Protein backbone atom coordinates (compact mmCIF):
# COMPACT_ATOMS: atom_id res chain seq x y z
CA MET A 1 0.06 -0.02 -0.22
CA SER A 2 1.28 3.48 -1.04
CA VAL A 3 2.50 5.74 1.86
CA ASP A 4 1.50 9.53 1.91
CA VAL A 5 4.02 12.07 2.91
CA LYS A 6 2.62 15.21 4.24
CA VAL A 7 3.54 18.56 5.50
CA PRO A 8 4.26 18.57 9.40
CA MET A 9 1.95 20.03 11.64
CA LEU A 10 2.78 23.67 12.04
CA PRO A 11 2.19 25.78 15.36
CA GLU A 12 -0.89 28.02 15.61
CA SER A 13 1.10 30.86 14.90
CA VAL A 14 2.53 29.67 11.61
CA THR A 15 -0.14 29.32 8.89
CA GLU A 16 1.75 28.34 5.64
CA ALA A 17 5.49 27.29 4.58
CA THR A 18 7.20 27.68 1.26
CA LEU A 19 8.84 24.25 -0.25
CA LEU A 20 12.42 25.00 -0.72
CA THR A 21 14.23 22.07 -2.43
CA TRP A 22 13.30 18.56 -3.30
CA HIS A 23 16.25 16.18 -2.58
CA LYS A 24 14.51 13.37 -4.52
CA GLN A 25 12.43 12.86 -7.56
CA VAL A 26 10.12 10.52 -9.03
CA GLY A 27 11.49 6.73 -9.41
CA ASP A 28 14.42 7.43 -6.84
CA ILE A 29 14.94 5.09 -4.11
CA VAL A 30 14.63 6.46 -0.68
CA ARG A 31 15.65 5.17 2.66
CA ARG A 32 13.72 5.74 6.02
CA ASP A 33 14.55 9.09 7.75
CA GLU A 34 16.18 10.13 4.64
CA THR A 35 15.26 13.89 3.86
CA LEU A 36 12.96 14.34 1.15
CA VAL A 37 12.33 18.06 1.35
CA ASP A 38 13.22 21.21 2.91
CA ILE A 39 10.17 23.42 3.91
CA GLU A 40 10.75 26.91 5.01
CA THR A 41 8.48 28.76 7.58
CA GLU A 42 8.66 32.22 8.89
CA LYS A 43 10.69 30.86 11.74
CA VAL A 44 12.79 27.81 10.81
CA VAL A 45 13.52 25.31 7.91
CA LEU A 46 12.37 21.91 8.35
CA GLU A 47 13.42 18.75 6.92
CA VAL A 48 10.51 16.34 5.75
CA PRO A 49 11.97 12.93 6.23
CA ALA A 50 10.78 9.66 4.24
CA PRO A 51 8.44 7.65 6.69
CA GLN A 52 9.67 4.39 5.21
CA ASP A 53 11.97 2.70 2.56
CA GLY A 54 10.64 2.70 -0.90
CA VAL A 55 10.43 4.45 -4.27
CA ILE A 56 9.16 7.90 -4.99
CA LYS A 57 5.85 7.24 -6.86
CA GLU A 58 4.56 10.80 -7.07
CA LEU A 59 5.58 14.45 -6.20
CA THR A 60 2.42 16.45 -5.61
CA ARG A 61 3.96 19.93 -5.26
CA ASN A 62 6.82 21.69 -6.64
CA SER A 63 9.63 23.98 -5.23
CA GLY A 64 8.58 27.34 -4.32
CA ASP A 65 4.78 26.35 -3.65
CA VAL A 66 3.15 27.46 -0.68
CA VAL A 67 1.64 24.62 1.50
CA THR A 68 -0.24 24.49 4.78
CA SER A 69 -0.31 21.51 7.49
CA ASP A 70 -1.08 18.19 6.66
CA GLU A 71 -1.02 18.82 2.86
CA LEU A 72 0.03 15.94 0.69
CA LEU A 73 3.49 16.43 -0.79
CA ALA A 74 4.57 13.07 -2.33
CA VAL A 75 3.50 9.41 -2.60
CA ILE A 76 5.92 6.48 -1.47
CA GLU A 77 5.75 2.87 -3.12
CA PRO A 78 6.98 0.83 -0.57
CA SER A 79 9.79 -1.62 -1.32
CA LYS A 80 11.41 -4.70 -0.18
CA LEU A 81 14.30 -2.91 1.16
CA GLU A 82 13.02 -2.78 4.78
CA GLN A 83 12.24 -6.51 4.77
CA ALA A 84 14.92 -8.09 2.91
CA PRO A 85 18.79 -7.89 3.33
CA ALA A 86 20.60 -5.68 1.25
CA GLU A 87 21.86 -8.26 -1.13
CA ALA A 88 18.40 -8.85 -2.24
CA ALA A 89 18.58 -5.56 -3.99
CA ILE A 90 21.51 -6.29 -6.07
CA PRO A 91 20.53 -7.07 -9.90
CA SER A 92 20.40 -10.39 -10.82
CA GLU A 93 23.24 -10.26 -12.99
CA THR A 94 25.73 -9.31 -10.23
CA LYS A 95 24.41 -11.89 -7.68
CA HIS A 96 26.85 -14.51 -8.74
CA GLN A 97 29.79 -12.47 -9.04
CA PRO A 98 32.77 -12.82 -6.54
CA GLU A 99 31.91 -10.90 -3.30
CA GLU A 100 34.50 -8.11 -3.33
CA GLU A 101 32.85 -7.23 -6.91
CA ALA A 102 29.24 -7.29 -6.15
CA LYS A 103 28.12 -3.71 -5.36
CA PRO A 104 24.74 -2.49 -4.09
CA PRO A 105 22.56 -0.59 -6.56
CA ARG A 106 22.54 2.66 -4.76
CA THR A 107 25.63 4.40 -3.05
CA GLU A 108 24.92 6.72 -0.18
CA SER A 109 26.47 10.24 -0.41
CA PRO A 110 29.06 11.07 2.09
CA MET A 111 27.03 14.18 2.46
CA GLY A 112 23.68 14.80 3.98
CA PRO A 113 21.04 16.84 2.10
CA ALA A 114 21.56 19.95 4.03
CA VAL A 115 25.23 19.84 3.78
CA ARG A 116 25.26 18.99 0.02
CA LYS A 117 22.66 21.89 -0.19
CA LEU A 118 25.29 24.58 1.43
CA VAL A 119 28.21 23.09 -0.45
CA THR A 120 26.65 23.48 -3.59
CA GLU A 121 25.06 26.86 -3.20
CA ASN A 122 28.49 28.60 -2.02
CA LYS A 123 30.45 26.21 -4.45
CA LEU A 124 32.58 24.80 -1.84
CA ASP A 125 35.13 21.78 -2.19
CA ILE A 126 34.23 19.25 0.51
CA ALA A 127 37.79 18.16 0.99
CA ASP A 128 38.55 21.72 2.52
CA ILE A 129 36.15 21.26 5.34
CA THR A 130 36.97 19.15 8.55
CA GLY A 131 34.24 17.15 9.65
CA THR A 132 33.38 16.42 13.33
CA GLY A 133 30.69 13.76 12.74
CA LYS A 134 30.89 10.04 13.08
CA ASP A 135 33.85 8.83 11.14
CA GLY A 136 34.84 12.16 10.12
CA ARG A 137 31.56 12.86 8.53
CA VAL A 138 31.13 16.58 7.46
CA THR A 139 27.90 18.16 9.42
CA LYS A 140 25.82 21.22 8.74
CA ALA A 141 27.49 22.97 11.50
CA ASP A 142 31.02 22.11 10.14
CA VAL A 143 30.09 23.85 6.53
CA VAL A 144 28.58 27.19 8.64
CA GLU A 145 31.86 27.35 10.64
CA PHE A 146 33.78 26.74 7.44
CA LEU A 147 31.76 29.79 5.84
CA ASP A 148 32.18 31.85 8.94
CA ARG A 149 35.98 31.45 8.90
CA ARG A 150 36.30 32.36 5.31
CA LYS A 151 34.02 35.26 5.58
CA GLN A 152 36.12 36.76 8.44
CA SER A 153 39.36 35.99 6.37
CA ALA A 154 38.04 37.73 3.34
CA PRO A 155 39.14 41.23 2.49
CA ALA A 156 35.56 42.30 2.05
CA PRO A 157 32.15 41.14 2.74
CA GLN A 158 30.72 38.51 0.33
CA PRO A 159 27.15 38.39 -0.83
CA ALA A 160 25.05 35.76 0.82
CA ALA A 161 24.21 32.91 -1.51
CA ALA A 162 20.69 32.63 -2.55
CA VAL A 163 18.58 29.86 -0.73
CA SER A 164 16.67 27.73 -3.40
CA THR A 165 15.48 31.10 -5.41
CA VAL A 166 15.23 32.12 -8.77
CA VAL A 167 17.78 34.64 -9.34
CA SER A 168 18.04 36.95 -12.22
CA THR A 169 20.73 39.46 -13.45
CA ALA A 170 20.11 42.23 -15.48
CA THR A 171 23.03 44.21 -17.50
CA LYS A 172 22.86 47.60 -19.05
CA GLY A 173 26.44 48.39 -20.48
CA ASP A 174 28.71 48.22 -17.43
CA ARG A 175 25.54 48.48 -14.72
CA SER A 176 23.94 45.42 -13.46
CA GLU A 177 21.36 44.50 -11.01
CA ARG A 178 20.78 41.32 -9.19
CA ARG A 179 17.01 40.19 -8.29
CA GLU A 180 15.86 37.48 -6.28
CA PRO A 181 12.83 36.78 -4.25
CA MET A 182 12.54 37.55 -0.63
CA SER A 183 12.76 34.17 1.56
CA ARG A 184 9.68 33.56 3.76
CA LEU A 185 11.80 34.45 6.88
CA ARG A 186 12.96 38.09 5.27
CA ALA A 187 8.97 38.68 4.08
CA THR A 188 7.84 37.61 7.42
CA ILE A 189 10.40 40.30 9.23
CA ALA A 190 9.26 42.93 6.66
CA GLN A 191 5.65 42.31 7.35
CA ARG A 192 5.95 42.48 10.99
CA LEU A 193 8.11 45.53 10.93
CA VAL A 194 5.54 47.39 9.09
CA GLN A 195 2.72 45.95 11.32
CA ALA A 196 4.58 47.23 14.37
CA GLN A 197 5.12 50.84 12.76
CA HIS A 198 1.14 50.76 11.84
CA THR A 199 -0.25 49.40 15.13
CA ALA A 200 1.69 50.45 17.78
CA ALA A 201 2.31 53.97 19.41
CA MET A 202 6.23 53.50 19.66
CA LEU A 203 8.53 55.80 21.33
CA THR A 204 12.25 55.46 22.35
CA THR A 205 13.97 56.75 25.34
CA PHE A 206 17.67 56.69 25.79
CA ASN A 207 20.07 56.54 28.85
CA ASP A 208 23.89 55.70 29.38
CA VAL A 209 25.40 53.22 31.36
CA ASN A 210 29.05 53.07 33.08
CA LEU A 211 29.77 49.62 32.60
CA GLN A 212 33.22 49.74 34.81
CA SER A 213 31.91 47.65 37.59
CA VAL A 214 30.77 45.08 35.28
CA LEU A 215 34.18 44.83 33.62
CA ASP A 216 35.97 44.79 36.91
CA LEU A 217 33.63 41.96 38.02
CA ARG A 218 34.04 39.97 34.83
CA LYS A 219 37.82 40.48 35.04
CA ARG A 220 37.97 39.42 38.62
CA TYR A 221 36.11 36.02 38.35
CA LYS A 222 36.35 35.32 34.49
CA GLU A 223 38.82 32.56 34.91
CA VAL A 224 37.11 30.89 37.91
CA PHE A 225 33.60 31.09 36.33
CA GLU A 226 34.80 29.50 33.27
CA LYS A 227 36.60 26.58 34.97
CA LYS A 228 33.61 25.91 37.34
CA HIS A 229 30.88 26.06 34.62
CA GLY A 230 32.54 25.38 31.40
CA THR A 231 31.30 28.58 29.81
CA ARG A 232 32.49 32.14 29.37
CA LEU A 233 30.89 35.05 31.52
CA GLY A 234 29.68 37.20 28.85
CA PHE A 235 27.71 40.67 29.28
CA MET A 236 24.37 39.14 28.09
CA SER A 237 23.52 37.72 31.41
CA PHE A 238 24.07 40.86 33.18
CA PHE A 239 21.76 42.62 30.72
CA ILE A 240 19.14 39.82 31.30
CA LYS A 241 19.35 39.92 34.77
CA ALA A 242 18.95 43.53 35.02
CA SER A 243 15.85 43.68 32.65
CA ILE A 244 14.11 41.05 34.83
CA GLU A 245 14.51 43.06 37.84
CA ALA A 246 13.34 46.04 35.90
CA LEU A 247 10.37 44.23 34.54
CA LYS A 248 9.39 42.88 38.04
CA ARG A 249 9.25 46.42 38.93
CA TYR A 250 7.21 47.87 35.82
CA PRO A 251 4.73 44.82 34.72
CA ALA A 252 3.61 46.79 31.87
CA VAL A 253 6.81 46.38 30.03
CA ASN A 254 6.77 42.70 30.21
CA GLY A 255 3.08 42.85 28.74
CA SER A 256 1.15 42.90 25.51
CA ILE A 257 -2.07 44.32 24.02
CA ASP A 258 -4.63 41.61 23.07
CA GLY A 259 -7.65 43.34 21.21
CA ASN A 260 -9.33 45.44 24.02
CA ASP A 261 -7.13 43.86 26.67
CA MET A 262 -3.90 44.21 28.45
CA VAL A 263 -2.20 41.32 29.35
CA PHE A 264 0.53 41.34 32.03
CA HIS A 265 2.64 38.22 31.63
CA GLN A 266 3.75 36.66 35.07
CA TYR A 267 6.80 35.00 33.63
CA TYR A 268 9.87 35.99 32.05
CA ASP A 269 10.62 34.49 28.56
CA ILE A 270 13.53 36.82 27.24
CA GLY A 271 14.05 36.95 23.24
CA ILE A 272 17.90 37.45 22.23
CA ALA A 273 17.87 39.03 18.83
CA ALA A 274 20.69 37.18 16.74
CA ALA A 275 21.94 37.37 13.20
CA SER A 276 21.80 34.11 11.16
CA PRO A 277 22.58 33.02 7.32
CA ARG A 278 18.75 33.34 6.87
CA GLY A 279 18.40 36.65 8.52
CA LEU A 280 17.37 38.23 11.88
CA VAL A 281 16.03 35.40 14.42
CA VAL A 282 14.97 36.00 17.76
CA PRO A 283 15.51 32.87 20.13
CA ILE A 284 13.91 32.50 23.38
CA VAL A 285 15.43 32.04 26.93
CA ARG A 286 12.59 30.72 28.80
CA ASP A 287 11.88 31.39 32.45
CA ALA A 288 15.00 33.61 32.52
CA ASP A 289 14.35 34.84 35.94
CA LYS A 290 14.87 31.22 37.33
CA LYS A 291 18.25 30.73 35.79
CA SER A 292 21.65 31.58 37.17
CA PHE A 293 24.30 33.53 35.42
CA ALA A 294 25.99 30.17 34.32
CA GLU A 295 22.69 28.70 33.16
CA LEU A 296 22.05 31.95 31.06
CA GLU A 297 25.38 31.99 29.55
CA MET A 298 25.08 28.35 28.43
CA GLU A 299 21.78 28.60 26.90
CA ILE A 300 22.85 31.78 25.06
CA ALA A 301 25.68 30.17 23.50
CA ALA A 302 23.98 27.20 22.38
CA LEU A 303 21.18 29.12 20.91
CA ALA A 304 23.80 31.43 19.18
CA ASP A 305 25.41 28.33 17.76
CA LYS A 306 21.98 26.91 16.35
CA ALA A 307 21.29 30.08 14.90
CA ARG A 308 24.53 30.14 12.79
CA ALA A 309 24.17 26.63 11.72
CA GLY A 310 20.30 27.14 11.17
CA THR A 311 19.23 24.44 13.26
CA LEU A 312 16.94 26.26 15.81
CA ALA A 313 13.54 24.50 16.56
CA MET A 314 10.04 26.22 16.04
CA GLU A 315 9.56 26.00 19.84
CA GLU A 316 12.93 27.88 20.56
CA LEU A 317 11.81 30.82 18.45
CA SER A 318 7.98 31.17 19.48
CA GLY A 319 6.67 33.50 22.22
CA GLY A 320 8.78 35.63 24.09
CA THR A 321 7.77 38.57 26.58
CA PHE A 322 10.72 40.94 26.15
CA THR A 323 13.60 41.19 23.49
CA ILE A 324 17.10 42.22 24.04
CA THR A 325 19.01 43.38 20.84
CA ASN A 326 22.62 43.90 20.49
CA GLY A 327 23.79 46.09 17.78
CA GLY A 328 27.14 46.93 19.69
CA VAL A 329 28.63 43.78 18.22
CA PHE A 330 28.29 45.37 14.62
CA GLY A 331 29.64 48.76 16.07
CA SER A 332 26.35 50.56 16.42
CA MET A 333 27.03 53.57 18.85
CA LEU A 334 23.02 54.12 18.93
CA SER A 335 19.90 53.27 17.45
CA THR A 336 16.04 53.07 17.84
CA PRO A 337 14.86 49.50 18.08
CA ILE A 338 11.77 48.45 16.58
CA LEU A 339 9.18 46.34 18.50
CA ASN A 340 8.89 42.59 18.03
CA PRO A 341 5.01 42.15 18.16
CA PRO A 342 3.14 41.54 20.16
CA GLN A 343 5.67 42.43 22.75
CA SER A 344 5.34 46.05 24.00
CA ALA A 345 9.19 46.80 24.57
CA ILE A 346 12.69 46.09 23.16
CA LEU A 347 16.07 47.18 24.95
CA GLY A 348 18.82 48.06 22.57
CA MET A 349 22.59 47.47 23.76
CA HIS A 350 25.36 49.20 21.86
CA ARG A 351 28.95 49.35 21.62
CA ILE A 352 31.22 50.11 24.71
CA GLU A 353 33.14 53.29 24.29
CA GLN A 354 35.83 54.89 26.43
CA ARG A 355 34.38 58.36 27.24
CA PRO A 356 35.03 61.22 29.51
CA VAL A 357 32.67 61.45 32.40
CA ALA A 358 32.20 63.66 35.53
CA GLU A 359 32.62 61.77 38.79
CA SER A 360 32.81 63.62 42.04
CA GLY A 361 33.80 66.73 40.28
CA GLU A 362 36.48 65.32 38.51
CA VAL A 363 36.75 63.95 34.51
CA VAL A 364 37.56 60.48 34.18
CA ILE A 365 37.60 57.98 31.49
CA ARG A 366 34.91 55.04 31.63
CA PRO A 367 33.57 52.37 29.52
CA MET A 368 30.13 53.84 28.52
CA MET A 369 27.30 52.28 26.48
CA TYR A 370 24.06 54.00 25.18
CA LEU A 371 20.92 52.08 26.02
CA ALA A 372 17.72 52.49 24.15
CA LEU A 373 14.10 51.41 25.09
CA THR A 374 11.78 51.32 22.42
CA TYR A 375 8.00 50.81 24.02
CA ASP A 376 4.34 50.94 22.96
CA HIS A 377 2.81 54.05 24.46
CA ARG A 378 -0.46 52.34 24.26
CA ILE A 379 0.38 50.27 27.44
CA ILE A 380 3.69 51.83 28.83
CA ASP A 381 3.44 55.35 30.06
CA GLY A 382 6.45 57.41 29.66
CA ALA A 383 7.35 57.79 32.99
CA GLU A 384 7.50 53.98 33.50
CA ALA A 385 9.82 53.38 30.38
CA VAL A 386 12.11 56.22 31.70
CA ARG A 387 12.33 54.48 35.37
CA PHE A 388 12.67 50.89 33.70
CA LEU A 389 15.64 52.20 31.87
CA VAL A 390 17.13 53.76 34.97
CA THR A 391 16.46 50.57 37.09
CA ILE A 392 18.61 48.70 34.29
CA LYS A 393 21.46 51.42 34.71
CA ASP A 394 21.40 51.29 38.38
CA SER A 395 21.57 47.49 38.21
CA LEU A 396 24.60 47.59 35.91
CA GLU A 397 26.49 50.07 37.62
CA ASP A 398 26.27 48.33 40.90
CA PRO A 399 25.99 44.75 40.07
CA ALA A 400 25.44 43.87 43.72
CA ARG A 401 21.96 45.10 43.10
CA LEU A 402 21.34 41.92 41.14
CA LEU A 403 22.22 39.79 43.89
CA LEU A 404 20.49 41.46 46.66
CA GLU A 405 17.47 42.45 44.43
CA ILE A 406 17.39 46.08 45.37
């Protein structure tokens, strides 16, 4: 009996997805759990595996088609591969050959579909990439890391490769243009940014923070912290802890608007904006208030690795009550971050600069950072927003407050 391959059930917040690339065609032999097709949602790329061994009998949708949950994608005709030993699949004319000459009808590629896709798109030589998988197999993370190293060592930034899109180039004399469709993620980002501007009453308030105490604390305990917990002590855990303290004092900043209701969340799921090969993503650190500095640092590092490798799961990108974005890693001095709907506020971090400041009537040089809080004035009053940002500033300038919760 034929077996149907359908679109996986998508979360309630994701209504549709786009087929990216078919890795198999009609007539191809497939093994159970082998990836048949990649599906791009507004959050992640999903790999749809074969439910069992067999032969592709029919493909019902094409690359680029928009699909919904449980929609039929392909039909597999079961084969005897799952009941019979591998030798049974050897053509009859080779059955009686000496064992060393007999070959199976299909040789598995040393690269998985996701790896093959990245290697092909970026025109890489697989021999140049060191594999960390089983038996030295090259994984998707290995390819992403190789691309990151190549980008960092390149004399100038290289344009990102198109992901399963139709690209056209128009040339007029010595002037050319490159055109490609938006990915679903990029289109969703655009839609939500416009939505935020059209529906929220956005304002931004600014402050600056002296990070000398945080730097001294990190310098003092950096080595012992890493030795004990196996992870580095970064800045983000301090900003998460300071934000949570401020969110507890000003619940509206941790809230959202649902129709005519204001929803005040009694939990703290903090989104950390991160760059990925597919664009901006915001993985969520759930119940961040219940986690230690070390737990926060380890989770942030793990989510960042997944973002770079493109392996974030749907549940790791869904929800969130407050977002932190760090433009400072790219050199930003000051910016006005835009809301991540339906959240009502977002904190923007920026680069640390040695600047002259006045302390006790004297001019001293201190590591300063500008902070920006963009908020929805429909639910958050201006005074609340300013005090919220001052609370973060006070906590970071005197980190002992984070331990004493004062």
